[in-house]
C-alpha atoms as a PDB file:
ATOM      1  CA  MET A   1      58.907 150.002 107.495  1.00  0.00           C
ATOM      2  CA  ASN A   2      62.340 149.522 105.925  1.00  0.00           C
ATOM      3  CA  LEU A   3      63.615 152.987 105.034  1.00  0.00           C
ATOM      4  CA  LYS A   4      66.983 151.878 103.673  1.00  0.00           C
ATOM      5  CA  ASN A   5      65.674 151.175 100.197  1.00  0.00           C
ATOM      6  CA  LYS A   6      63.133 153.967 100.006  1.00  0.00           C
ATOM      7  CA  SER A   7      63.359 157.713  99.582  1.00  0.00           C
ATOM      8  CA  VAL A   8      62.216 159.307 102.840  1.00  0.00           C
ATOM      9  CA  LYS A   9      59.573 161.940 102.198  1.00  0.00           C
ATOM     10  CA  VAL A  10      58.728 163.309 105.661  1.00  0.00           C
ATOM     11  CA  ALA A  11      61.316 163.871 108.396  1.00  0.00           C
ATOM     12  CA  VAL A  12      59.918 164.692 111.835  1.00  0.00           C
ATOM     13  CA  CYS A  13      62.597 166.496 113.831  1.00  0.00           C
ATOM     14  CA  SER A  14      60.337 167.654 116.663  1.00  0.00           C
ATOM     15  CA  ARG A  15      60.836 165.577 119.818  1.00  0.00           C
ATOM     16  CA  THR A  16      57.473 166.654 121.203  1.00  0.00           C
ATOM     17  CA  PHE A  17      55.683 165.378 118.108  1.00  0.00           C
ATOM     18  CA  TYR A  18      57.505 162.040 118.237  1.00  0.00           C
ATOM     19  CA  LYS A  19      56.771 161.502 121.931  1.00  0.00           C
ATOM     20  CA  ASN A  20      53.016 161.666 121.308  1.00  0.00           C
ATOM     21  CA  LEU A  21      51.765 158.244 120.175  1.00  0.00           C
ATOM     22  CA  TYR A  22      48.459 159.632 118.906  1.00  0.00           C
ATOM     23  CA  LEU A  23      50.214 162.119 116.595  1.00  0.00           C
ATOM     24  CA  ARG A  24      52.613 159.472 115.301  1.00  0.00           C
ATOM     25  CA  ASN A  25      49.740 157.159 114.458  1.00  0.00           C
ATOM     26  CA  GLU A  26      47.715 159.924 112.816  1.00  0.00           C
ATOM     27  CA  LEU A  27      50.679 160.923 110.664  1.00  0.00           C
ATOM     28  CA  LYS A  28      51.263 157.319 109.578  1.00  0.00           C
ATOM     29  CA  LYS A  29      47.684 157.174 108.298  1.00  0.00           C
ATOM     30  CA  LEU A  30      48.726 159.523 105.500  1.00  0.00           C
ATOM     31  CA  LYS A  31      50.638 156.611 103.927  1.00  0.00           C
ATOM     32  CA  LYS A  32      53.730 158.761 103.501  1.00  0.00           C
ATOM     33  CA  ILE A  33      57.264 157.505 104.046  1.00  0.00           C
ATOM     34  CA  ILE A  34      58.147 158.920 107.460  1.00  0.00           C
ATOM     35  CA  LYS A  35      61.072 158.928 109.838  1.00  0.00           C
ATOM     36  CA  PHE A  36      61.152 160.307 113.362  1.00  0.00           C
ATOM     37  CA  ASN A  37      63.870 161.869 115.487  1.00  0.00           C
ATOM     38  CA  LYS A  38      64.058 159.335 118.334  1.00  0.00           C
ATOM     39  CA  THR A  39      67.142 160.785 120.013  1.00  0.00           C
ATOM     40  CA  ASN A  40      65.250 162.899 122.587  1.00  0.00           C
ATOM     41  CA  LYS A  41      67.404 165.891 121.682  1.00  0.00           C
ATOM     42  CA  THR A  42      67.250 168.870 119.343  1.00  0.00           C
ATOM     43  CA  LEU A  43      69.141 167.998 116.174  1.00  0.00           C
ATOM     44  CA  ARG A  44      71.939 170.369 115.191  1.00  0.00           C
ATOM     45  CA  ASN A  45      74.414 170.988 112.365  1.00  0.00           C
ATOM     46  CA  LYS A  46      75.488 167.866 110.431  1.00  0.00           C
ATOM     47  CA  GLU A  47      73.194 165.603 112.429  1.00  0.00           C
ATOM     48  CA  LEU A  48      70.254 167.791 111.417  1.00  0.00           C
ATOM     49  CA  SER A  49      71.136 168.077 107.726  1.00  0.00           C
ATOM     50  CA  ASN A  50      71.757 164.320 107.484  1.00  0.00           C
ATOM     51  CA  PHE A  51      68.401 163.581 109.064  1.00  0.00           C
ATOM     52  CA  ILE A  52      66.447 165.836 106.684  1.00  0.00           C
ATOM     53  CA  SER A  53      68.588 165.464 103.545  1.00  0.00           C
ATOM     54  CA  ASP A  54      66.415 162.962 101.637  1.00  0.00           C
ATOM     55  CA  SER A  55      63.093 164.509 102.661  1.00  0.00           C
ATOM     56  CA  GLU A  56      60.690 166.757 100.816  1.00  0.00           C
ATOM     57  CA  ILE A  57      58.859 167.799 103.991  1.00  0.00           C
ATOM     58  CA  THR A  58      60.158 168.284 107.511  1.00  0.00           C
ATOM     59  CA  ILE A  59      58.411 169.080 110.784  1.00  0.00           C
ATOM     60  CA  ILE A  60      60.751 171.060 113.037  1.00  0.00           C
ATOM     61  CA  GLY A  61      60.612 172.228 116.631  1.00  0.00           C
ATOM     62  CA  LEU A  62      63.599 174.078 118.088  1.00  0.00           C
ATOM     63  CA  GLU A  63      66.002 173.157 115.282  1.00  0.00           C
ATOM     64  CA  ILE A  64      68.141 175.909 113.743  1.00  0.00           C
ATOM     65  CA  ILE A  65      67.528 176.168 110.000  1.00  0.00           C
ATOM     66  CA  ASN A  66      70.231 178.494 108.677  1.00  0.00           C
ATOM     67  CA  LYS A  67      71.818 179.027 105.270  1.00  0.00           C
ATOM     68  CA  SER A  68      74.398 176.310 105.807  1.00  0.00           C
ATOM     69  CA  ILE A  69      71.746 173.722 106.667  1.00  0.00           C
ATOM     70  CA  ILE A  70      69.434 174.769 103.818  1.00  0.00           C
ATOM     71  CA  ASN A  71      72.249 174.346 101.271  1.00  0.00           C
ATOM     72  CA  LYS A  72      72.548 170.696 102.323  1.00  0.00           C
ATOM     73  CA  LEU A  73      68.875 169.918 101.730  1.00  0.00           C
ATOM     74  CA  PRO A  74      68.458 169.601  97.954  1.00  0.00           C
ATOM     75  CA  ASN A  75      65.154 167.712  98.161  1.00  0.00           C
ATOM     76  CA  LEU A  76      63.413 169.911 100.702  1.00  0.00           C
ATOM     77  CA  LYS A  77      60.265 171.649  99.493  1.00  0.00           C
ATOM     78  CA  THR A  78      58.367 172.453 102.711  1.00  0.00           C
ATOM     79  CA  ILE A  79      59.177 173.183 106.362  1.00  0.00           C
ATOM     80  CA  ILE A  80      56.350 172.905 108.862  1.00  0.00           C
ATOM     81  CA  LYS A  81      57.068 174.665 112.132  1.00  0.00           C
ATOM     82  CA  TYR A  82      55.689 172.840 115.174  1.00  0.00           C
ATOM     83  CA  GLY A  83      55.636 175.812 117.539  1.00  0.00           C
ATOM     84  CA  VAL A  84      55.338 179.561 117.066  1.00  0.00           C
ATOM     85  CA  GLY A  85      58.808 181.162 117.174  1.00  0.00           C
ATOM     86  CA  LEU A  86      60.546 181.697 113.828  1.00  0.00           C
ATOM     87  CA  ASP A  87      63.756 183.221 115.202  1.00  0.00           C
ATOM     88  CA  LYS A  88      65.817 180.070 114.480  1.00  0.00           C
ATOM     89  CA  ILE A  89      64.918 180.021 110.765  1.00  0.00           C
ATOM     90  CA  ASP A  90      66.609 182.037 107.998  1.00  0.00           C
ATOM     91  CA  LEU A  91      63.371 183.226 106.411  1.00  0.00           C
ATOM     92  CA  ASN A  92      65.013 185.257 103.646  1.00  0.00           C
ATOM     93  CA  TYR A  93      67.145 182.360 102.457  1.00  0.00           C
ATOM     94  CA  LEU A  94      64.167 179.994 102.516  1.00  0.00           C
ATOM     95  CA  LYS A  95      62.367 182.385 100.199  1.00  0.00           C
ATOM     96  CA  LYS A  96      65.402 182.608  97.930  1.00  0.00           C
ATOM     97  CA  LYS A  97      65.576 178.810  97.691  1.00  0.00           C
ATOM     98  CA  ASN A  98      61.809 178.620  97.098  1.00  0.00           C
ATOM     99  CA  ILE A  99      61.207 176.471 100.187  1.00  0.00           C
ATOM    100  CA  LYS A 100      57.741 176.901 101.636  1.00  0.00           C
ATOM    101  CA  LEU A 101      57.351 177.606 105.363  1.00  0.00           C
ATOM    102  CA  ILE A 102      54.118 176.696 107.107  1.00  0.00           C
ATOM    103  CA  HIS A 103      53.481 177.823 110.684  1.00  0.00           C
ATOM    104  CA  PHE A 104      50.515 178.417 112.948  1.00  0.00           C
ATOM    105  CA  PRO A 105      50.762 181.686 114.913  1.00  0.00           C
ATOM    106  CA  GLY A 106      48.904 181.668 118.199  1.00  0.00           C
ATOM    107  CA  PHE A 107      47.787 178.044 118.281  1.00  0.00           C
ATOM    108  CA  ASN A 108      49.260 177.579 121.789  1.00  0.00           C
ATOM    109  CA  LYS A 109      48.438 181.044 123.144  1.00  0.00           C
ATOM    110  CA  ARG A 110      46.205 179.770 125.955  1.00  0.00           C
ATOM    111  CA  SER A 111      48.951 177.423 127.214  1.00  0.00           C
ATOM    112  CA  VAL A 112      51.394 180.318 127.527  1.00  0.00           C
ATOM    113  CA  SER A 113      48.955 182.827 129.007  1.00  0.00           C
ATOM    114  CA  GLU A 114      47.821 180.308 131.638  1.00  0.00           C
ATOM    115  CA  LEU A 115      51.468 179.739 132.603  1.00  0.00           C
ATOM    116  CA  VAL A 116      51.881 183.491 133.098  1.00  0.00           C
ATOM    117  CA  LEU A 117      48.769 183.529 135.272  1.00  0.00           C
ATOM    118  CA  GLY A 118      50.249 180.642 137.253  1.00  0.00           C
ATOM    119  CA  TYR A 119      53.439 182.639 137.817  1.00  0.00           C
ATOM    120  CA  ILE A 120      51.429 185.653 138.978  1.00  0.00           C
ATOM    121  CA  LEU A 121      49.426 183.559 141.438  1.00  0.00           C
ATOM    122  CA  ALA A 122      52.528 181.731 142.687  1.00  0.00           C
ATOM    123  CA  LYS A 123      54.314 184.996 143.397  1.00  0.00           C
ATOM    124  CA  SER A 124      51.276 186.654 144.971  1.00  0.00           C
ATOM    125  CA  ARG A 125      50.750 183.833 147.471  1.00  0.00           C
ATOM    126  CA  ASN A 126      54.417 182.868 148.017  1.00  0.00           C
ATOM    127  CA  LEU A 127      53.564 179.365 146.835  1.00  0.00           C
ATOM    128  CA  TYR A 128      57.104 178.203 146.105  1.00  0.00           C
ATOM    129  CA  GLU A 129      58.337 179.282 149.530  1.00  0.00           C
ATOM    130  CA  HIS A 130      55.340 177.700 151.254  1.00  0.00           C
ATOM    131  CA  PHE A 131      55.812 174.389 149.442  1.00  0.00           C
ATOM    132  CA  LYS A 132      59.496 174.338 150.314  1.00  0.00           C
ATOM    133  CA  GLU A 133      59.072 175.298 153.975  1.00  0.00           C
ATOM    134  CA  THR A 134      56.185 172.964 154.774  1.00  0.00           C
ATOM    135  CA  LYS A 135      57.992 170.004 153.203  1.00  0.00           C
ATOM    136  CA  ASN A 136      60.869 170.859 155.527  1.00  0.00           C
ATOM    137  CA  LYS A 137      58.335 170.709 158.402  1.00  0.00           C
ATOM    138  CA  ASN A 138      58.367 174.475 158.930  1.00  0.00           C
ATOM    139  CA  TRP A 139      54.753 175.573 159.415  1.00  0.00           C
ATOM    140  CA  GLU A 140      55.110 179.291 158.673  1.00  0.00           C
ATOM    141  CA  ASN A 141      52.334 181.379 157.179  1.00  0.00           C
ATOM    142  CA  LYS A 142      53.797 184.094 154.965  1.00  0.00           C
ATOM    143  CA  THR A 143      51.072 186.603 154.193  1.00  0.00           C
ATOM    144  CA  GLY A 144      50.536 187.053 150.477  1.00  0.00           C
ATOM    145  CA  ASN A 145      48.641 189.466 148.261  1.00  0.00           C
ATOM    146  CA  LEU A 146      45.580 189.430 146.066  1.00  0.00           C
ATOM    147  CA  VAL A 147      46.078 189.483 142.306  1.00  0.00           C
ATOM    148  CA  THR A 148      42.849 191.458 142.116  1.00  0.00           C
ATOM    149  CA  LYS A 149      43.274 195.146 141.247  1.00  0.00           C
ATOM    150  CA  LYS A 150      47.053 194.886 140.816  1.00  0.00           C
ATOM    151  CA  LYS A 151      48.781 196.815 138.041  1.00  0.00           C
ATOM    152  CA  ILE A 152      49.919 194.511 135.252  1.00  0.00           C
ATOM    153  CA  GLY A 153      52.064 195.508 132.289  1.00  0.00           C
ATOM    154  CA  ILE A 154      52.056 193.533 129.057  1.00  0.00           C
ATOM    155  CA  ILE A 155      54.806 194.183 126.536  1.00  0.00           C
ATOM    156  CA  GLY A 156      53.709 192.778 123.199  1.00  0.00           C
ATOM    157  CA  CYS A 157      50.001 192.594 122.340  1.00  0.00           C
ATOM    158  CA  GLY A 158      49.996 189.803 119.797  1.00  0.00           C
ATOM    159  CA  ASN A 159      48.129 186.514 120.156  1.00  0.00           C
ATOM    160  CA  ILE A 160      49.485 185.664 123.611  1.00  0.00           C
ATOM    161  CA  GLY A 161      49.409 189.179 125.039  1.00  0.00           C
ATOM    162  CA  LYS A 162      45.775 189.605 124.049  1.00  0.00           C
ATOM    163  CA  ASP A 163      44.837 186.196 125.397  1.00  0.00           C
ATOM    164  CA  LEU A 164      46.500 187.030 128.731  1.00  0.00           C
ATOM    165  CA  ILE A 165      44.439 190.226 128.896  1.00  0.00           C
ATOM    166  CA  LYS A 166      41.320 188.147 128.296  1.00  0.00           C
ATOM    167  CA  ILE A 167      41.969 185.690 131.139  1.00  0.00           C
ATOM    168  CA  LEU A 168      42.921 188.500 133.552  1.00  0.00           C
ATOM    169  CA  LYS A 169      39.522 190.203 133.223  1.00  0.00           C
ATOM    170  CA  PRO A 170      37.981 188.631 136.372  1.00  0.00           C
ATOM    171  CA  PHE A 171      40.810 190.120 138.464  1.00  0.00           C
ATOM    172  CA  ASP A 172      39.831 193.701 137.672  1.00  0.00           C
ATOM    173  CA  ASN A 173      43.436 194.723 137.077  1.00  0.00           C
ATOM    174  CA  GLU A 174      44.743 198.036 135.839  1.00  0.00           C
ATOM    175  CA  ILE A 175      46.443 196.801 132.680  1.00  0.00           C
ATOM    176  CA  TYR A 176      49.195 198.706 130.867  1.00  0.00           C
ATOM    177  CA  VAL A 177      50.106 197.645 127.319  1.00  0.00           C
ATOM    178  CA  ASN A 178      52.932 198.347 124.890  1.00  0.00           C
ATOM    179  CA  ASP A 179      53.385 197.224 121.287  1.00  0.00           C
ATOM    180  CA  ILE A 180      55.292 198.354 118.197  1.00  0.00           C
ATOM    181  CA  LYS A 181      51.995 198.391 116.295  1.00  0.00           C
ATOM    182  CA  ASN A 182      49.304 201.007 116.762  1.00  0.00           C
ATOM    183  CA  ILE A 183      46.974 199.510 119.361  1.00  0.00           C
ATOM    184  CA  ASN A 184      45.156 202.703 120.381  1.00  0.00           C
ATOM    185  CA  ASN A 185      41.737 201.433 119.313  1.00  0.00           C
ATOM    186  CA  TYR A 186      42.278 198.023 120.915  1.00  0.00           C
ATOM    187  CA  ALA A 187      43.461 199.638 124.173  1.00  0.00           C
ATOM    188  CA  LYS A 188      40.520 202.042 124.269  1.00  0.00           C
ATOM    189  CA  LYS A 189      37.985 199.322 123.531  1.00  0.00           C
ATOM    190  CA  ASN A 190      39.351 197.118 126.340  1.00  0.00           C
ATOM    191  CA  ASN A 191      39.986 199.884 128.888  1.00  0.00           C
ATOM    192  CA  LEU A 192      43.769 199.438 128.794  1.00  0.00           C
ATOM    193  CA  LYS A 193      46.521 202.014 129.341  1.00  0.00           C
ATOM    194  CA  ASN A 194      48.581 202.244 126.142  1.00  0.00           C
ATOM    195  CA  SER A 195      51.960 203.163 127.641  1.00  0.00           C
ATOM    196  CA  SER A 196      55.698 203.357 127.086  1.00  0.00           C
ATOM    197  CA  LYS A 197      57.963 200.631 128.440  1.00  0.00           C
ATOM    198  CA  LYS A 198      59.347 203.099 130.991  1.00  0.00           C
ATOM    199  CA  ILE A 199      55.896 203.821 132.409  1.00  0.00           C
ATOM    200  CA  ILE A 200      55.162 200.099 132.609  1.00  0.00           C
ATOM    201  CA  PHE A 201      58.389 199.306 134.472  1.00  0.00           C
ATOM    202  CA  LYS A 202      57.898 202.259 136.821  1.00  0.00           C
ATOM    203  CA  ASN A 203      54.303 201.520 137.766  1.00  0.00           C
ATOM    204  CA  CYS A 204      53.403 197.861 137.416  1.00  0.00           C
ATOM    205  CA  ASP A 205      53.369 195.069 139.997  1.00  0.00           C
ATOM    206  CA  PHE A 206      53.778 192.439 137.274  1.00  0.00           C
ATOM    207  CA  ILE A 207      55.372 192.888 133.844  1.00  0.00           C
ATOM    208  CA  SER A 208      54.940 190.119 131.292  1.00  0.00           C
ATOM    209  CA  ILE A 209      56.923 190.018 128.039  1.00  0.00           C
ATOM    210  CA  HIS A 210      55.401 188.663 124.821  1.00  0.00           C
ATOM    211  CA  ILE A 211      57.607 189.808 121.960  1.00  0.00           C
ATOM    212  CA  PRO A 212      59.467 187.786 119.301  1.00  0.00           C
ATOM    213  CA  TYR A 213      63.237 187.489 119.245  1.00  0.00           C
ATOM    214  CA  ASN A 214      64.996 189.260 116.381  1.00  0.00           C
ATOM    215  CA  LYS A 215      68.045 191.480 115.993  1.00  0.00           C
ATOM    216  CA  LYS A 216      66.059 194.579 116.896  1.00  0.00           C
ATOM    217  CA  ASN A 217      64.711 192.985 120.090  1.00  0.00           C
ATOM    218  CA  ARG A 218      68.000 191.510 121.306  1.00  0.00           C
ATOM    219  CA  ASN A 219      68.481 192.607 124.958  1.00  0.00           C
ATOM    220  CA  ILE A 220      65.748 195.203 124.484  1.00  0.00           C
ATOM    221  CA  ILE A 221      64.763 194.848 128.154  1.00  0.00           C
ATOM    222  CA  ASP A 222      67.916 196.118 129.816  1.00  0.00           C
ATOM    223  CA  GLN A 223      69.207 198.295 132.647  1.00  0.00           C
ATOM    224  CA  LYS A 224      67.223 201.398 131.634  1.00  0.00           C
ATOM    225  CA  TYR A 225      63.989 199.493 132.204  1.00  0.00           C
ATOM    226  CA  ILE A 226      64.785 196.873 134.867  1.00  0.00           C
ATOM    227  CA  SER A 227      66.293 199.506 137.158  1.00  0.00           C
ATOM    228  CA  LEU A 228      62.909 201.275 137.243  1.00  0.00           C
ATOM    229  CA  MET A 229      61.067 198.334 138.806  1.00  0.00           C
ATOM    230  CA  ARG A 230      59.342 198.949 142.149  1.00  0.00           C
ATOM    231  CA  ASP A 231      60.062 196.910 145.273  1.00  0.00           C
ATOM    232  CA  ASN A 232      58.281 193.551 145.247  1.00  0.00           C
ATOM    233  CA  SER A 233      57.415 193.863 141.546  1.00  0.00           C
ATOM    234  CA  THR A 234      57.948 190.926 139.190  1.00  0.00           C
ATOM    235  CA  LEU A 235      59.273 190.520 135.649  1.00  0.00           C
ATOM    236  CA  ILE A 236      57.932 187.521 133.713  1.00  0.00           C
ATOM    237  CA  ASN A 237      59.423 186.273 130.442  1.00  0.00           C
ATOM    238  CA  THR A 238      57.757 183.449 128.530  1.00  0.00           C
ATOM    239  CA  SER A 239      58.704 184.756 125.079  1.00  0.00           C
ATOM    240  CA  ARG A 240      62.329 184.130 124.134  1.00  0.00           C
ATOM    241  CA  GLY A 241      65.727 184.273 125.748  1.00  0.00           C
ATOM    242  CA  ASN A 242      67.911 187.188 124.649  1.00  0.00           C
ATOM    243  CA  VAL A 243      65.068 189.727 124.694  1.00  0.00           C
ATOM    244  CA  VAL A 244      66.100 190.391 128.312  1.00  0.00           C
ATOM    245  CA  ASN A 245      69.676 191.357 129.100  1.00  0.00           C
ATOM    246  CA  GLU A 246      70.505 188.672 131.663  1.00  0.00           C
ATOM    247  CA  ASN A 247      73.531 190.515 133.027  1.00  0.00           C
ATOM    248  CA  ASP A 248      71.421 193.588 133.782  1.00  0.00           C
ATOM    249  CA  LEU A 249      68.709 191.375 135.248  1.00  0.00           C
ATOM    250  CA  TYR A 250      71.259 189.704 137.534  1.00  0.00           C
ATOM    251  CA  LYS A 251      72.645 193.033 138.780  1.00  0.00           C
ATOM    252  CA  ASN A 252      69.199 194.344 139.657  1.00  0.00           C
ATOM    253  CA  LEU A 253      67.973 191.130 141.281  1.00  0.00           C
ATOM    254  CA  LYS A 254      71.110 191.148 143.461  1.00  0.00           C
ATOM    255  CA  LYS A 255      70.589 194.651 144.811  1.00  0.00           C
ATOM    256  CA  LYS A 256      66.817 195.205 144.693  1.00  0.00           C
ATOM    257  CA  ASN A 257      63.772 193.571 146.234  1.00  0.00           C
ATOM    258  CA  ILE A 258      62.336 192.546 142.872  1.00  0.00           C
ATOM    259  CA  PHE A 259      61.520 189.129 141.411  1.00  0.00           C
ATOM    260  CA  SER A 260      61.626 187.360 138.070  1.00  0.00           C
ATOM    261  CA  TYR A 261      59.858 184.284 136.722  1.00  0.00           C
ATOM    262  CA  PHE A 262      61.351 183.014 133.462  1.00  0.00           C
ATOM    263  CA  ASP A 263      60.461 180.137 131.145  1.00  0.00           C
ATOM    264  CA  VAL A 264      63.217 180.947 128.646  1.00  0.00           C
ATOM    265  CA  LEU A 265      66.924 181.769 128.729  1.00  0.00           C
ATOM    266  CA  SER A 266      69.540 182.941 126.232  1.00  0.00           C
ATOM    267  CA  ILE A 267      71.201 179.506 126.378  1.00  0.00           C
ATOM    268  CA  GLU A 268      68.991 176.424 126.535  1.00  0.00           C
ATOM    269  CA  PRO A 269      69.187 173.845 128.024  1.00  0.00           C
ATOM    270  CA  LEU A 270      70.331 175.575 131.188  1.00  0.00           C
ATOM    271  CA  ASN A 271      73.997 176.520 131.348  1.00  0.00           C
ATOM    272  CA  LYS A 272      75.135 175.364 134.811  1.00  0.00           C
ATOM    273  CA  ASN A 273      77.319 178.478 135.066  1.00  0.00           C
ATOM    274  CA  ASN A 274      74.350 180.825 134.743  1.00  0.00           C
ATOM    275  CA  ARG A 275      74.560 183.097 137.801  1.00  0.00           C
ATOM    276  CA  LEU A 276      70.807 183.722 137.915  1.00  0.00           C
ATOM    277  CA  ILE A 277      70.117 180.222 139.192  1.00  0.00           C
ATOM    278  CA  ASN A 278      71.660 180.921 142.587  1.00  0.00           C
ATOM    279  CA  LEU A 279      69.434 183.921 143.316  1.00  0.00           C
ATOM    280  CA  LYS A 280      66.490 183.445 145.682  1.00  0.00           C
ATOM    281  CA  ASN A 281      64.350 185.920 143.735  1.00  0.00           C
ATOM    282  CA  PHE A 282      64.841 184.211 140.350  1.00  0.00           C
ATOM    283  CA  PHE A 283      62.537 181.353 139.329  1.00  0.00           C
ATOM    284  CA  LEU A 284      62.904 179.241 136.219  1.00  0.00           C
ATOM    285  CA  SER A 285      60.943 176.603 134.320  1.00  0.00           C
ATOM    286  CA  PRO A 286      62.391 174.652 131.326  1.00  0.00           C
ATOM    287  CA  HIS A 287      60.610 176.313 128.384  1.00  0.00           C
ATOM    288  CA  ILE A 288      57.212 174.760 129.137  1.00  0.00           C
ATOM    289  CA  GLY A 289      55.023 177.605 127.857  1.00  0.00           C
ATOM    290  CA  GLY A 290      53.415 175.604 125.065  1.00  0.00           C
ATOM    291  CA  SER A 291      53.747 172.228 126.777  1.00  0.00           C
ATOM    292  CA  THR A 292      50.195 171.250 127.519  1.00  0.00           C
ATOM    293  CA  LEU A 293      48.606 168.130 126.108  1.00  0.00           C
ATOM    294  CA  GLU A 294      45.907 170.227 124.475  1.00  0.00           C
ATOM    295  CA  SER A 295      48.315 172.506 122.612  1.00  0.00           C
ATOM    296  CA  ILE A 296      50.598 169.608 121.663  1.00  0.00           C
ATOM    297  CA  LEU A 297      47.661 167.818 120.043  1.00  0.00           C
ATOM    298  CA  GLU A 298      46.339 170.963 118.384  1.00  0.00           C
ATOM    299  CA  GLY A 299      49.744 171.848 116.915  1.00  0.00           C
ATOM    300  CA  GLY A 300      50.310 168.294 115.737  1.00  0.00           C
ATOM    301  CA  ARG A 301      46.916 168.079 114.079  1.00  0.00           C
ATOM    302  CA  LEU A 302      47.598 171.346 112.246  1.00  0.00           C
ATOM    303  CA  CYS A 303      50.910 169.963 110.967  1.00  0.00           C
ATOM    304  CA  ILE A 304      49.303 166.716 109.790  1.00  0.00           C
ATOM    305  CA  LYS A 305      46.450 168.547 108.100  1.00  0.00           C
ATOM    306  CA  ARG A 306      48.858 170.668 106.045  1.00  0.00           C
ATOM    307  CA  ILE A 307      50.880 167.619 104.930  1.00  0.00           C
END
């Protein structure tokens, strides 16, 4: 398709969407004029505004849609968010400019909650250490722990938090929950301990964070909470970078026998100067929470359906 002489109607910024041949082909069936971001990188600033500028609809992933970008998109009528976080979008200015935002909260919840379960199992059985040592021909059995009956704290009981609670049921855990909304009835119905963050950090073997990033939540998990963690306990963050104060996390990981498993950081991709990387009790994956084939297809189909 020669786009030079035609007005582009749909601009697909999301790299994940473009990489999936099935989704590309399904979108093309709509007989719209489409262009894809083929750069294998998140578009930013002028590159982003130039890519979207002649489009009425755009599918975005991790792109930052701020006031400056929006002002350069005179044709844009609809943004479809491929993913769940809205922290990179100026929602108020979109509303002011009468640009519609479509998103699908919770569509990838099972992908994220299964990753958290994987982290819990990996820590409990020392899987990373065992993999590393046996590949180095060191046959050393490091005794692990059962996940069963452990105390697990969940901060944020939205779609993902509730799904994590659901898949933890066979482990007969004592589950502590915390949310800004009133979840008393939900906690009572599911035999959960509705608790403060301090109680969760003081008592739990595993603490998993599932809150959105916004100004109020910036560095909300800081020294006053992390310092309360028990020996051998683990902090898991698959939500967003910047909800955990990384400097406070570093200080506590350096001096205490605690662990952290993170899928997100304040600066992504990884800043090579990030001090956390050199710690033996810090484990990191590259923002893979929603990256399962099933959730990629489900999210893509939802986007296509709304177009």
